Amino acid sequence: MLRPSWLRWPWLLGAVLAYYLPWIVNPAAALTFNAYDLAEWVSLPPSARGGSIPLLAPFLLRGVLGLLALLFGLRAGQHTGWLRGLYAFLSLGLALTLMPPLDFFRGTFDDANYRQQFALGLGTLIGLVILAGLSRQRLPKPLLRRVEAGIAGLAMVSALAGEILAQSVVRLFHISAPLGVGVVVFVACLGLAGLAALRGANDIA
């Protein structure tokens, strides 16, 4: 029988791949977006920047990537050797993906979209540093598994909410925006990863 730890990582990897599959499909290839591109596209309309909560849809869609980075960071703290290095590399790579283009660091600080990307990227990096520190405290494994399941659940909610809000923005332009396979696979993978984490917590407890 496979241990719960081996049941989780394929689903986490599947969630990363699903993030870059289409989340909104359209007969026009230029209007078929993965989650990353969708977040960028729905950040452009003035209505998105001037809403009651500006850039909420991009925040949720990008936040999903930050939560994935935290999940890999949490896994890194539970392993040693090459597995620890692999998880750490993936978590750092995802966190850096959230950073804005170089134009932001050259002085384009007045762009709200860039500021959001920087805040999410920096917040994720700080979260990873905190997780790295906590990994040295030898916290109970059942607690770590439950935290992992909680982060996975939060990422699922963020993905679904971001998708719904993004679809509403796209439809303002009278553009067809059917649900893409990416968000379905993403939620399914993280749901299975979360269940495996909870199973591992119960088995250890």
N, C-alpha and C. Protein backbone atom coordinates (compact mmCIF):
# COMPACT_ATOMS: atom_id res chain seq x y z
N MET A 1 0.85 -1.19 0.00
CA MET A 1 0.00 0.00 0.00
C MET A 1 0.89 1.25 0.00
N LEU A 2 0.52 2.24 -0.80
CA LEU A 2 1.28 3.47 -0.85
C LEU A 2 1.05 4.29 0.40
N ARG A 3 2.12 4.90 0.92
CA ARG A 3 1.99 5.79 2.06
C ARG A 3 1.33 7.09 1.62
N PRO A 4 0.64 7.80 2.55
CA PRO A 4 -0.02 9.04 2.19
C PRO A 4 0.91 10.07 1.57
N SER A 5 2.19 10.10 2.01
CA SER A 5 3.13 11.07 1.44
C SER A 5 3.32 10.86 -0.06
N TRP A 6 3.27 9.60 -0.48
CA TRP A 6 3.41 9.32 -1.91
C TRP A 6 2.10 9.50 -2.66
N LEU A 7 1.01 9.64 -1.92
CA LEU A 7 -0.27 9.92 -2.56
C LEU A 7 -0.49 11.41 -2.78
N ARG A 8 0.33 12.26 -2.13
CA ARG A 8 0.09 13.70 -2.19
C ARG A 8 0.88 14.38 -3.30
N TRP A 9 2.15 14.03 -3.45
CA TRP A 9 2.95 14.82 -4.37
C TRP A 9 2.50 14.74 -5.82
N PRO A 10 1.98 13.58 -6.34
CA PRO A 10 1.51 13.61 -7.73
C PRO A 10 0.35 14.58 -7.93
N TRP A 11 -0.51 14.71 -6.90
CA TRP A 11 -1.64 15.63 -7.03
C TRP A 11 -1.19 17.08 -6.96
N LEU A 12 -0.17 17.37 -6.15
CA LEU A 12 0.37 18.72 -6.10
C LEU A 12 1.00 19.10 -7.44
N LEU A 13 1.75 18.17 -8.00
CA LEU A 13 2.35 18.42 -9.31
C LEU A 13 1.26 18.59 -10.38
N GLY A 14 0.22 17.76 -10.29
CA GLY A 14 -0.90 17.88 -11.22
C GLY A 14 -1.58 19.22 -11.11
N ALA A 15 -1.68 19.77 -9.89
CA ALA A 15 -2.29 21.08 -9.69
C ALA A 15 -1.47 22.18 -10.36
N VAL A 16 -0.14 22.08 -10.27
CA VAL A 16 0.73 23.07 -10.92
C VAL A 16 0.52 23.02 -12.44
N LEU A 17 0.49 21.82 -13.00
CA LEU A 17 0.29 21.69 -14.44
C LEU A 17 -1.09 22.22 -14.83
N ALA A 18 -2.11 21.93 -14.00
CA ALA A 18 -3.47 22.39 -14.30
C ALA A 18 -3.57 23.91 -14.27
N TYR A 19 -2.75 24.56 -13.47
CA TYR A 19 -2.76 26.03 -13.41
C TYR A 19 -2.47 26.63 -14.78
N TYR A 20 -1.69 25.91 -15.58
CA TYR A 20 -1.30 26.43 -16.90
C TYR A 20 -2.11 25.81 -18.05
N LEU A 21 -3.12 25.02 -17.70
CA LEU A 21 -4.08 24.56 -18.71
C LEU A 21 -5.16 25.63 -18.87
N PRO A 22 -5.98 25.56 -19.93
CA PRO A 22 -7.01 26.60 -20.12
C PRO A 22 -8.03 26.63 -18.97
N TRP A 23 -8.26 27.82 -18.43
CA TRP A 23 -9.28 28.02 -17.41
C TRP A 23 -10.53 28.66 -18.02
N ILE A 24 -10.36 29.33 -19.12
CA ILE A 24 -11.47 29.85 -19.92
C ILE A 24 -11.15 29.53 -21.37
N VAL A 25 -12.12 28.93 -22.05
CA VAL A 25 -11.90 28.54 -23.45
C VAL A 25 -12.78 29.40 -24.35
N ASN A 26 -12.30 29.60 -25.57
CA ASN A 26 -13.02 30.39 -26.56
C ASN A 26 -12.57 29.93 -27.93
N PRO A 27 -13.46 29.95 -28.93
CA PRO A 27 -13.03 29.55 -30.28
C PRO A 27 -11.82 30.32 -30.77
N ALA A 28 -11.67 31.57 -30.31
CA ALA A 28 -10.48 32.34 -30.67
C ALA A 28 -9.35 31.97 -29.72
N ALA A 29 -8.26 31.47 -30.28
CA ALA A 29 -7.14 31.01 -29.45
C ALA A 29 -6.61 32.12 -28.55
N ALA A 30 -6.66 33.37 -29.03
CA ALA A 30 -6.14 34.48 -28.25
C ALA A 30 -6.99 34.77 -27.03
N LEU A 31 -8.19 34.22 -26.97
CA LEU A 31 -9.08 34.44 -25.83
C LEU A 31 -9.26 33.17 -25.00
N THR A 32 -8.35 32.23 -25.18
CA THR A 32 -8.31 31.03 -24.33
C THR A 32 -7.15 31.22 -23.36
N PHE A 33 -7.47 31.30 -22.06
CA PHE A 33 -6.48 31.69 -21.07
C PHE A 33 -6.24 30.61 -20.02
N ASN A 34 -4.98 30.44 -19.65
CA ASN A 34 -4.70 29.69 -18.42
C ASN A 34 -4.88 30.65 -17.25
N ALA A 35 -4.73 30.15 -16.03
CA ALA A 35 -5.01 30.99 -14.86
C ALA A 35 -4.08 32.20 -14.80
N TYR A 36 -2.82 32.02 -15.14
CA TYR A 36 -1.86 33.12 -15.07
C TYR A 36 -2.21 34.22 -16.06
N ASP A 37 -2.49 33.83 -17.31
CA ASP A 37 -2.84 34.82 -18.33
C ASP A 37 -4.21 35.43 -18.06
N LEU A 38 -5.12 34.63 -17.52
CA LEU A 38 -6.45 35.14 -17.20
C LEU A 38 -6.36 36.24 -16.14
N ALA A 39 -5.53 36.02 -15.13
CA ALA A 39 -5.34 37.04 -14.10
C ALA A 39 -4.84 38.34 -14.70
N GLU A 40 -3.92 38.24 -15.64
CA GLU A 40 -3.38 39.44 -16.29
C GLU A 40 -4.45 40.12 -17.14
N TRP A 41 -5.23 39.34 -17.86
CA TRP A 41 -6.22 39.90 -18.79
C TRP A 41 -7.32 40.64 -18.03
N VAL A 42 -7.81 40.03 -16.94
CA VAL A 42 -8.92 40.67 -16.21
C VAL A 42 -8.43 41.81 -15.32
N SER A 43 -7.12 42.04 -15.27
CA SER A 43 -6.62 43.19 -14.53
C SER A 43 -6.61 44.46 -15.38
N LEU A 44 -6.87 44.32 -16.68
CA LEU A 44 -6.75 45.45 -17.60
C LEU A 44 -7.97 46.37 -17.63
N PRO A 45 -9.22 45.86 -17.60
CA PRO A 45 -10.38 46.75 -17.70
C PRO A 45 -10.43 47.76 -16.55
N PRO A 46 -10.82 49.00 -16.82
CA PRO A 46 -10.95 50.01 -15.75
C PRO A 46 -11.94 49.57 -14.66
N SER A 47 -12.97 48.80 -15.04
CA SER A 47 -13.96 48.36 -14.06
C SER A 47 -13.32 47.45 -13.02
N ALA A 48 -12.29 46.67 -13.42
CA ALA A 48 -11.62 45.78 -12.48
C ALA A 48 -10.75 46.56 -11.50
N ARG A 49 -10.17 47.67 -11.98
CA ARG A 49 -9.29 48.46 -11.13
C ARG A 49 -10.06 49.44 -10.25
N GLY A 50 -11.29 49.74 -10.66
CA GLY A 50 -12.07 50.72 -9.91
C GLY A 50 -13.22 50.13 -9.15
N GLY A 51 -13.24 48.80 -8.98
CA GLY A 51 -14.33 48.15 -8.26
C GLY A 51 -14.25 48.38 -6.77
N SER A 52 -15.25 47.87 -6.05
CA SER A 52 -15.27 48.04 -4.59
C SER A 52 -14.04 47.40 -3.95
N ILE A 53 -13.58 46.28 -4.53
CA ILE A 53 -12.30 45.67 -4.13
C ILE A 53 -11.47 45.57 -5.41
N PRO A 54 -10.60 46.54 -5.66
CA PRO A 54 -9.86 46.57 -6.94
C PRO A 54 -9.04 45.30 -7.17
N LEU A 55 -9.08 44.83 -8.41
CA LEU A 55 -8.26 43.71 -8.85
C LEU A 55 -8.46 42.46 -7.99
N LEU A 56 -9.71 42.20 -7.61
CA LEU A 56 -9.97 41.05 -6.76
C LEU A 56 -9.78 39.74 -7.51
N ALA A 57 -10.32 39.65 -8.74
CA ALA A 57 -10.18 38.41 -9.51
C ALA A 57 -8.71 38.08 -9.77
N PRO A 58 -7.89 39.05 -10.23
CA PRO A 58 -6.46 38.73 -10.39
C PRO A 58 -5.80 38.31 -9.08
N PHE A 59 -6.19 38.95 -7.98
CA PHE A 59 -5.61 38.60 -6.68
C PHE A 59 -5.89 37.13 -6.34
N LEU A 60 -7.13 36.70 -6.54
CA LEU A 60 -7.50 35.32 -6.21
C LEU A 60 -6.78 34.33 -7.12
N LEU A 61 -6.72 34.64 -8.42
CA LEU A 61 -6.09 33.72 -9.36
C LEU A 61 -4.58 33.64 -9.14
N ARG A 62 -3.96 34.76 -8.82
CA ARG A 62 -2.53 34.75 -8.53
C ARG A 62 -2.24 34.18 -7.15
N GLY A 63 -3.16 34.44 -6.22
CA GLY A 63 -2.98 33.91 -4.88
C GLY A 63 -2.92 32.39 -4.86
N VAL A 64 -3.62 31.78 -5.80
CA VAL A 64 -3.59 30.32 -5.93
C VAL A 64 -2.15 29.84 -6.13
N LEU A 65 -1.41 30.57 -6.95
CA LEU A 65 -0.02 30.18 -7.21
C LEU A 65 0.82 30.33 -5.95
N GLY A 66 0.56 31.39 -5.19
CA GLY A 66 1.27 31.57 -3.93
C GLY A 66 0.96 30.46 -2.94
N LEU A 67 -0.29 30.03 -2.88
CA LEU A 67 -0.66 28.94 -1.98
C LEU A 67 -0.02 27.62 -2.42
N LEU A 68 0.09 27.41 -3.71
CA LEU A 68 0.80 26.23 -4.21
C LEU A 68 2.26 26.26 -3.77
N ALA A 69 2.87 27.44 -3.86
CA ALA A 69 4.27 27.57 -3.42
C ALA A 69 4.39 27.22 -1.94
N LEU A 70 3.44 27.66 -1.12
CA LEU A 70 3.47 27.35 0.31
C LEU A 70 3.30 25.85 0.54
N LEU A 71 2.47 25.21 -0.26
CA LEU A 71 2.29 23.76 -0.12
C LEU A 71 3.59 23.02 -0.39
N PHE A 72 4.30 23.43 -1.44
CA PHE A 72 5.58 22.79 -1.74
C PHE A 72 6.61 23.13 -0.66
N GLY A 73 6.55 24.36 -0.14
CA GLY A 73 7.45 24.73 0.95
C GLY A 73 7.19 23.90 2.20
N LEU A 74 5.92 23.67 2.48
CA LEU A 74 5.56 22.83 3.63
C LEU A 74 6.06 21.41 3.45
N ARG A 75 5.97 20.91 2.23
CA ARG A 75 6.47 19.56 1.95
C ARG A 75 7.99 19.51 2.08
N ALA A 76 8.66 20.59 1.67
CA ALA A 76 10.13 20.62 1.77
C ALA A 76 10.59 20.45 3.21
N GLY A 77 9.85 21.06 4.14
CA GLY A 77 10.23 20.98 5.54
C GLY A 77 10.03 19.61 6.16
N GLN A 78 9.32 18.72 5.45
CA GLN A 78 9.04 17.39 5.99
C GLN A 78 9.94 16.31 5.39
N HIS A 79 10.90 16.74 4.57
CA HIS A 79 11.79 15.78 3.90
C HIS A 79 13.24 16.17 4.10
N THR A 80 14.12 15.29 3.72
CA THR A 80 15.56 15.56 3.73
C THR A 80 16.14 15.16 2.38
N GLY A 81 17.38 15.54 2.15
CA GLY A 81 18.07 15.12 0.93
C GLY A 81 17.51 15.76 -0.32
N TRP A 82 17.53 14.98 -1.41
CA TRP A 82 17.16 15.53 -2.71
C TRP A 82 15.68 15.90 -2.79
N LEU A 83 14.83 15.19 -2.05
CA LEU A 83 13.40 15.54 -2.05
C LEU A 83 13.18 16.91 -1.44
N ARG A 84 13.88 17.19 -0.37
CA ARG A 84 13.78 18.51 0.25
C ARG A 84 14.21 19.59 -0.73
N GLY A 85 15.32 19.35 -1.42
CA GLY A 85 15.81 20.31 -2.40
C GLY A 85 14.85 20.50 -3.55
N LEU A 86 14.23 19.42 -4.02
CA LEU A 86 13.28 19.51 -5.13
C LEU A 86 12.05 20.32 -4.74
N TYR A 87 11.49 20.03 -3.56
CA TYR A 87 10.32 20.77 -3.10
C TYR A 87 10.66 22.25 -2.88
N ALA A 88 11.84 22.52 -2.32
CA ALA A 88 12.26 23.90 -2.09
C ALA A 88 12.43 24.64 -3.40
N PHE A 89 13.01 23.97 -4.40
CA PHE A 89 13.20 24.58 -5.71
C PHE A 89 11.87 24.93 -6.35
N LEU A 90 10.90 24.00 -6.28
CA LEU A 90 9.58 24.25 -6.85
C LEU A 90 8.87 25.39 -6.14
N SER A 91 8.95 25.42 -4.82
CA SER A 91 8.28 26.48 -4.07
C SER A 91 8.87 27.84 -4.39
N LEU A 92 10.20 27.92 -4.47
CA LEU A 92 10.84 29.18 -4.78
C LEU A 92 10.52 29.63 -6.21
N GLY A 93 10.51 28.67 -7.14
CA GLY A 93 10.19 29.00 -8.52
C GLY A 93 8.79 29.56 -8.66
N LEU A 94 7.83 28.97 -7.99
CA LEU A 94 6.45 29.46 -8.05
C LEU A 94 6.33 30.84 -7.43
N ALA A 95 7.03 31.06 -6.32
CA ALA A 95 6.99 32.37 -5.67
C ALA A 95 7.56 33.46 -6.58
N LEU A 96 8.67 33.16 -7.24
CA LEU A 96 9.29 34.15 -8.13
C LEU A 96 8.44 34.41 -9.36
N THR A 97 7.65 33.41 -9.77
CA THR A 97 6.75 33.60 -10.91
C THR A 97 5.73 34.70 -10.63
N LEU A 98 5.42 34.92 -9.36
CA LEU A 98 4.44 35.94 -9.00
C LEU A 98 4.99 37.36 -9.11
N MET A 99 6.30 37.50 -9.19
CA MET A 99 6.89 38.83 -9.21
C MET A 99 6.55 39.58 -10.51
N PRO A 100 6.43 40.91 -10.44
CA PRO A 100 6.09 41.71 -11.63
C PRO A 100 7.27 41.79 -12.59
N PRO A 101 7.04 42.31 -13.80
CA PRO A 101 8.14 42.48 -14.76
C PRO A 101 9.20 43.44 -14.23
N LEU A 102 10.33 43.46 -14.93
CA LEU A 102 11.44 44.32 -14.51
C LEU A 102 11.08 45.79 -14.52
N ASP A 103 10.08 46.18 -15.35
CA ASP A 103 9.69 47.59 -15.40
C ASP A 103 9.29 48.10 -14.02
N PHE A 104 8.69 47.25 -13.20
CA PHE A 104 8.29 47.67 -11.86
C PHE A 104 9.51 48.09 -11.05
N PHE A 105 10.58 47.33 -11.13
CA PHE A 105 11.77 47.61 -10.34
C PHE A 105 12.58 48.76 -10.93
N ARG A 106 12.20 49.17 -12.15
CA ARG A 106 12.86 50.33 -12.76
C ARG A 106 12.11 51.62 -12.50
N GLY A 107 11.05 51.54 -11.70
CA GLY A 107 10.37 52.77 -11.31
C GLY A 107 8.89 52.84 -11.61
N THR A 108 8.29 51.77 -12.18
CA THR A 108 6.86 51.81 -12.50
C THR A 108 6.06 51.40 -11.27
N PHE A 109 6.16 52.22 -10.23
CA PHE A 109 5.53 51.86 -8.96
C PHE A 109 4.06 52.26 -8.89
N ASP A 110 3.61 53.09 -9.85
CA ASP A 110 2.24 53.59 -9.78
C ASP A 110 1.24 52.62 -10.41
N ASP A 111 1.70 51.51 -10.95
CA ASP A 111 0.80 50.53 -11.57
C ASP A 111 0.26 49.59 -10.49
N ALA A 112 -1.06 49.65 -10.27
CA ALA A 112 -1.67 48.83 -9.21
C ALA A 112 -1.50 47.34 -9.48
N ASN A 113 -1.53 46.95 -10.74
CA ASN A 113 -1.38 45.54 -11.10
C ASN A 113 0.00 45.03 -10.71
N TYR A 114 1.02 45.82 -11.01
CA TYR A 114 2.39 45.45 -10.66
C TYR A 114 2.57 45.41 -9.14
N ARG A 115 1.95 46.37 -8.45
CA ARG A 115 2.08 46.39 -6.99
C ARG A 115 1.45 45.14 -6.38
N GLN A 116 0.32 44.71 -6.94
CA GLN A 116 -0.30 43.50 -6.43
C GLN A 116 0.61 42.30 -6.64
N GLN A 117 1.20 42.18 -7.83
CA GLN A 117 2.10 41.07 -8.10
C GLN A 117 3.28 41.07 -7.13
N PHE A 118 3.83 42.25 -6.90
CA PHE A 118 4.98 42.35 -5.99
C PHE A 118 4.58 41.95 -4.57
N ALA A 119 3.42 42.43 -4.12
CA ALA A 119 2.96 42.11 -2.77
C ALA A 119 2.74 40.62 -2.60
N LEU A 120 2.13 39.99 -3.61
CA LEU A 120 1.90 38.55 -3.53
C LEU A 120 3.20 37.77 -3.56
N GLY A 121 4.11 38.17 -4.45
CA GLY A 121 5.40 37.49 -4.54
C GLY A 121 6.20 37.63 -3.26
N LEU A 122 6.25 38.85 -2.73
CA LEU A 122 7.01 39.09 -1.50
C LEU A 122 6.35 38.36 -0.33
N GLY A 123 5.02 38.41 -0.26
CA GLY A 123 4.32 37.72 0.82
C GLY A 123 4.55 36.22 0.79
N THR A 124 4.59 35.65 -0.42
CA THR A 124 4.84 34.22 -0.55
C THR A 124 6.25 33.87 -0.11
N LEU A 125 7.22 34.71 -0.50
CA LEU A 125 8.61 34.46 -0.09
C LEU A 125 8.75 34.54 1.43
N ILE A 126 8.07 35.51 2.04
CA ILE A 126 8.12 35.62 3.51
C ILE A 126 7.48 34.38 4.13
N GLY A 127 6.37 33.93 3.56
CA GLY A 127 5.72 32.71 4.06
C GLY A 127 6.63 31.51 3.98
N LEU A 128 7.40 31.41 2.90
CA LEU A 128 8.33 30.29 2.75
C LEU A 128 9.44 30.35 3.79
N VAL A 129 9.92 31.57 4.08
CA VAL A 129 10.94 31.72 5.11
C VAL A 129 10.39 31.29 6.47
N ILE A 130 9.15 31.67 6.75
CA ILE A 130 8.53 31.28 8.02
C ILE A 130 8.38 29.76 8.09
N LEU A 131 7.96 29.15 6.99
CA LEU A 131 7.81 27.69 6.97
C LEU A 131 9.16 27.01 7.18
N ALA A 132 10.20 27.58 6.57
CA ALA A 132 11.54 27.00 6.75
C ALA A 132 11.96 27.05 8.21
N GLY A 133 11.61 28.17 8.89
CA GLY A 133 11.94 28.27 10.30
C GLY A 133 11.13 27.29 11.15
N LEU A 134 9.85 27.15 10.82
CA LEU A 134 9.00 26.23 11.58
C LEU A 134 9.42 24.77 11.39
N SER A 135 10.00 24.46 10.21
CA SER A 135 10.40 23.08 9.96
C SER A 135 11.49 22.62 10.92
N ARG A 136 12.21 23.57 11.50
CA ARG A 136 13.27 23.22 12.45
C ARG A 136 12.74 23.02 13.87
N GLN A 137 11.46 23.34 14.06
CA GLN A 137 10.88 23.23 15.40
C GLN A 137 10.30 21.84 15.67
N ARG A 138 10.39 20.97 14.68
CA ARG A 138 9.88 19.60 14.82
C ARG A 138 8.42 19.58 15.30
N LEU A 139 7.58 20.31 14.57
CA LEU A 139 6.16 20.35 14.90
C LEU A 139 5.54 18.98 14.67
N PRO A 140 4.48 18.65 15.40
CA PRO A 140 3.83 17.34 15.21
C PRO A 140 3.37 17.13 13.77
N LYS A 141 3.65 15.95 13.24
CA LYS A 141 3.28 15.68 11.85
C LYS A 141 1.77 15.77 11.58
N PRO A 142 0.93 15.30 12.52
CA PRO A 142 -0.52 15.46 12.27
C PRO A 142 -0.92 16.92 12.07
N LEU A 143 -0.29 17.83 12.84
CA LEU A 143 -0.57 19.25 12.70
C LEU A 143 -0.15 19.75 11.32
N LEU A 144 1.04 19.35 10.87
CA LEU A 144 1.53 19.76 9.56
C LEU A 144 0.62 19.25 8.44
N ARG A 145 0.13 18.02 8.59
CA ARG A 145 -0.78 17.45 7.58
C ARG A 145 -2.08 18.25 7.51
N ARG A 146 -2.59 18.65 8.69
CA ARG A 146 -3.84 19.40 8.71
C ARG A 146 -3.64 20.81 8.14
N VAL A 147 -2.50 21.40 8.42
CA VAL A 147 -2.19 22.71 7.82
C VAL A 147 -2.12 22.58 6.30
N GLU A 148 -1.49 21.51 5.84
CA GLU A 148 -1.39 21.25 4.41
C GLU A 148 -2.78 21.12 3.78
N ALA A 149 -3.67 20.37 4.43
CA ALA A 149 -5.03 20.21 3.93
C ALA A 149 -5.77 21.54 3.93
N GLY A 150 -5.53 22.35 4.96
CA GLY A 150 -6.18 23.66 5.03
C GLY A 150 -5.74 24.59 3.90
N ILE A 151 -4.44 24.60 3.61
CA ILE A 151 -3.93 25.43 2.52
C ILE A 151 -4.50 24.95 1.19
N ALA A 152 -4.56 23.64 1.01
CA ALA A 152 -5.13 23.09 -0.22
C ALA A 152 -6.60 23.51 -0.37
N GLY A 153 -7.35 23.45 0.73
CA GLY A 153 -8.75 23.87 0.68
C GLY A 153 -8.89 25.34 0.35
N LEU A 154 -8.03 26.18 0.94
CA LEU A 154 -8.06 27.61 0.67
C LEU A 154 -7.74 27.89 -0.80
N ALA A 155 -6.78 27.15 -1.36
CA ALA A 155 -6.43 27.31 -2.77
C ALA A 155 -7.59 26.93 -3.68
N MET A 156 -8.32 25.88 -3.32
CA MET A 156 -9.49 25.47 -4.10
C MET A 156 -10.55 26.57 -4.11
N VAL A 157 -10.84 27.13 -2.93
CA VAL A 157 -11.84 28.20 -2.83
C VAL A 157 -11.39 29.42 -3.63
N SER A 158 -10.11 29.77 -3.51
CA SER A 158 -9.57 30.92 -4.23
C SER A 158 -9.67 30.72 -5.74
N ALA A 159 -9.38 29.50 -6.19
CA ALA A 159 -9.45 29.21 -7.62
C ALA A 159 -10.87 29.33 -8.15
N LEU A 160 -11.83 28.77 -7.44
CA LEU A 160 -13.22 28.81 -7.89
C LEU A 160 -13.77 30.23 -7.86
N ALA A 161 -13.48 30.97 -6.78
CA ALA A 161 -13.95 32.35 -6.69
C ALA A 161 -13.30 33.22 -7.76
N GLY A 162 -11.99 33.04 -7.98
CA GLY A 162 -11.31 33.80 -9.02
C GLY A 162 -11.84 33.51 -10.40
N GLU A 163 -12.14 32.24 -10.65
CA GLU A 163 -12.70 31.85 -11.96
C GLU A 163 -14.06 32.49 -12.18
N ILE A 164 -14.92 32.46 -11.18
CA ILE A 164 -16.26 33.04 -11.32
C ILE A 164 -16.19 34.54 -11.57
N LEU A 165 -15.35 35.23 -10.79
CA LEU A 165 -15.21 36.67 -10.97
C LEU A 165 -14.58 37.01 -12.32
N ALA A 166 -13.60 36.21 -12.74
CA ALA A 166 -12.97 36.45 -14.04
C ALA A 166 -13.95 36.26 -15.19
N GLN A 167 -14.80 35.25 -15.08
CA GLN A 167 -15.81 35.03 -16.11
C GLN A 167 -16.76 36.22 -16.22
N SER A 168 -17.11 36.80 -15.08
CA SER A 168 -18.02 37.95 -15.11
C SER A 168 -17.36 39.15 -15.78
N VAL A 169 -16.04 39.32 -15.58
CA VAL A 169 -15.32 40.41 -16.25
C VAL A 169 -15.26 40.17 -17.75
N VAL A 170 -14.95 38.95 -18.15
CA VAL A 170 -14.84 38.63 -19.58
C VAL A 170 -16.18 38.84 -20.27
N ARG A 171 -17.26 38.47 -19.62
CA ARG A 171 -18.58 38.58 -20.24
C ARG A 171 -19.04 40.02 -20.38
N LEU A 172 -18.43 40.95 -19.65
CA LEU A 172 -18.74 42.36 -19.83
C LEU A 172 -18.44 42.81 -21.26
N PHE A 173 -17.53 42.11 -21.91
CA PHE A 173 -17.15 42.44 -23.28
C PHE A 173 -17.91 41.59 -24.30
N HIS A 174 -18.97 40.90 -23.80
CA HIS A 174 -19.80 40.03 -24.66
C HIS A 174 -18.96 38.96 -25.36
N ILE A 175 -18.03 38.43 -24.58
CA ILE A 175 -17.16 37.35 -25.06
C ILE A 175 -17.58 36.06 -24.38
N SER A 176 -17.73 35.01 -25.16
CA SER A 176 -18.07 33.71 -24.59
C SER A 176 -16.92 33.23 -23.71
N ALA A 177 -17.25 32.76 -22.49
CA ALA A 177 -16.20 32.36 -21.55
C ALA A 177 -16.58 31.07 -20.84
N PRO A 178 -16.71 29.95 -21.59
CA PRO A 178 -17.02 28.68 -20.92
C PRO A 178 -15.87 28.23 -20.00
N LEU A 179 -16.27 27.43 -19.03
CA LEU A 179 -15.30 26.91 -18.07
C LEU A 179 -14.27 26.03 -18.78
N GLY A 180 -12.98 26.26 -18.46
CA GLY A 180 -11.92 25.46 -19.04
C GLY A 180 -11.60 24.24 -18.20
N VAL A 181 -10.89 23.29 -18.81
CA VAL A 181 -10.56 22.05 -18.11
C VAL A 181 -9.56 22.30 -16.99
N GLY A 182 -8.77 23.38 -17.11
CA GLY A 182 -7.71 23.62 -16.13
C GLY A 182 -8.22 23.77 -14.72
N VAL A 183 -9.27 24.58 -14.54
CA VAL A 183 -9.78 24.80 -13.18
C VAL A 183 -10.40 23.53 -12.62
N VAL A 184 -11.02 22.72 -13.47
CA VAL A 184 -11.61 21.46 -13.02
C VAL A 184 -10.53 20.51 -12.53
N VAL A 185 -9.47 20.35 -13.32
CA VAL A 185 -8.36 19.47 -12.93
C VAL A 185 -7.66 20.01 -11.70
N PHE A 186 -7.51 21.33 -11.63
CA PHE A 186 -6.84 21.95 -10.49
C PHE A 186 -7.57 21.63 -9.18
N VAL A 187 -8.87 21.88 -9.17
CA VAL A 187 -9.66 21.64 -7.96
C VAL A 187 -9.65 20.16 -7.60
N ALA A 188 -9.76 19.30 -8.61
CA ALA A 188 -9.75 17.85 -8.34
C ALA A 188 -8.42 17.41 -7.74
N CYS A 189 -7.31 17.89 -8.30
CA CYS A 189 -5.99 17.49 -7.80
C CYS A 189 -5.77 17.97 -6.37
N LEU A 190 -6.14 19.22 -6.09
CA LEU A 190 -5.93 19.72 -4.74
C LEU A 190 -6.89 19.08 -3.74
N GLY A 191 -8.09 18.74 -4.21
CA GLY A 191 -9.01 18.02 -3.33
C GLY A 191 -8.45 16.68 -2.93
N LEU A 192 -7.86 15.96 -3.87
CA LEU A 192 -7.27 14.66 -3.58
C LEU A 192 -6.02 14.80 -2.70
N ALA A 193 -5.23 15.85 -2.96
CA ALA A 193 -4.05 16.09 -2.13
C ALA A 193 -4.45 16.41 -0.70
N GLY A 194 -5.51 17.21 -0.55
CA GLY A 194 -5.99 17.54 0.79
C GLY A 194 -6.52 16.33 1.53
N LEU A 195 -7.26 15.49 0.83
CA LEU A 195 -7.79 14.27 1.45
C LEU A 195 -6.66 13.35 1.88
N ALA A 196 -5.63 13.22 1.02
CA ALA A 196 -4.48 12.39 1.37
C ALA A 196 -3.76 12.93 2.59
N ALA A 197 -3.66 14.28 2.70
CA ALA A 197 -3.01 14.88 3.86
C ALA A 197 -3.80 14.59 5.13
N LEU A 198 -5.13 14.70 5.05
CA LEU A 198 -5.96 14.42 6.22
C LEU A 198 -5.87 12.95 6.61
N ARG A 199 -5.80 12.10 5.61
CA ARG A 199 -5.66 10.66 5.89
C ARG A 199 -4.34 10.41 6.59
N GLY A 200 -3.30 11.07 6.11
CA GLY A 200 -2.00 10.90 6.76
C GLY A 200 -2.01 11.39 8.20
N ALA A 201 -2.72 12.52 8.45
CA ALA A 201 -2.81 13.04 9.81
C ALA A 201 -3.53 12.05 10.72
N ASN A 202 -4.60 11.47 10.22
CA ASN A 202 -5.37 10.51 11.04
C ASN A 202 -4.57 9.23 11.28
N ASP A 203 -3.82 8.80 10.26
CA ASP A 203 -3.03 7.56 10.43
C ASP A 203 -1.94 7.75 11.48
N ILE A 204 -1.31 8.95 11.45
CA ILE A 204 -0.22 9.22 12.41
C ILE A 204 -0.79 9.39 13.81
N ALA A 205 -1.93 10.11 13.89
CA ALA A 205 -2.54 10.33 15.20
C ALA A 205 -3.05 9.03 15.78
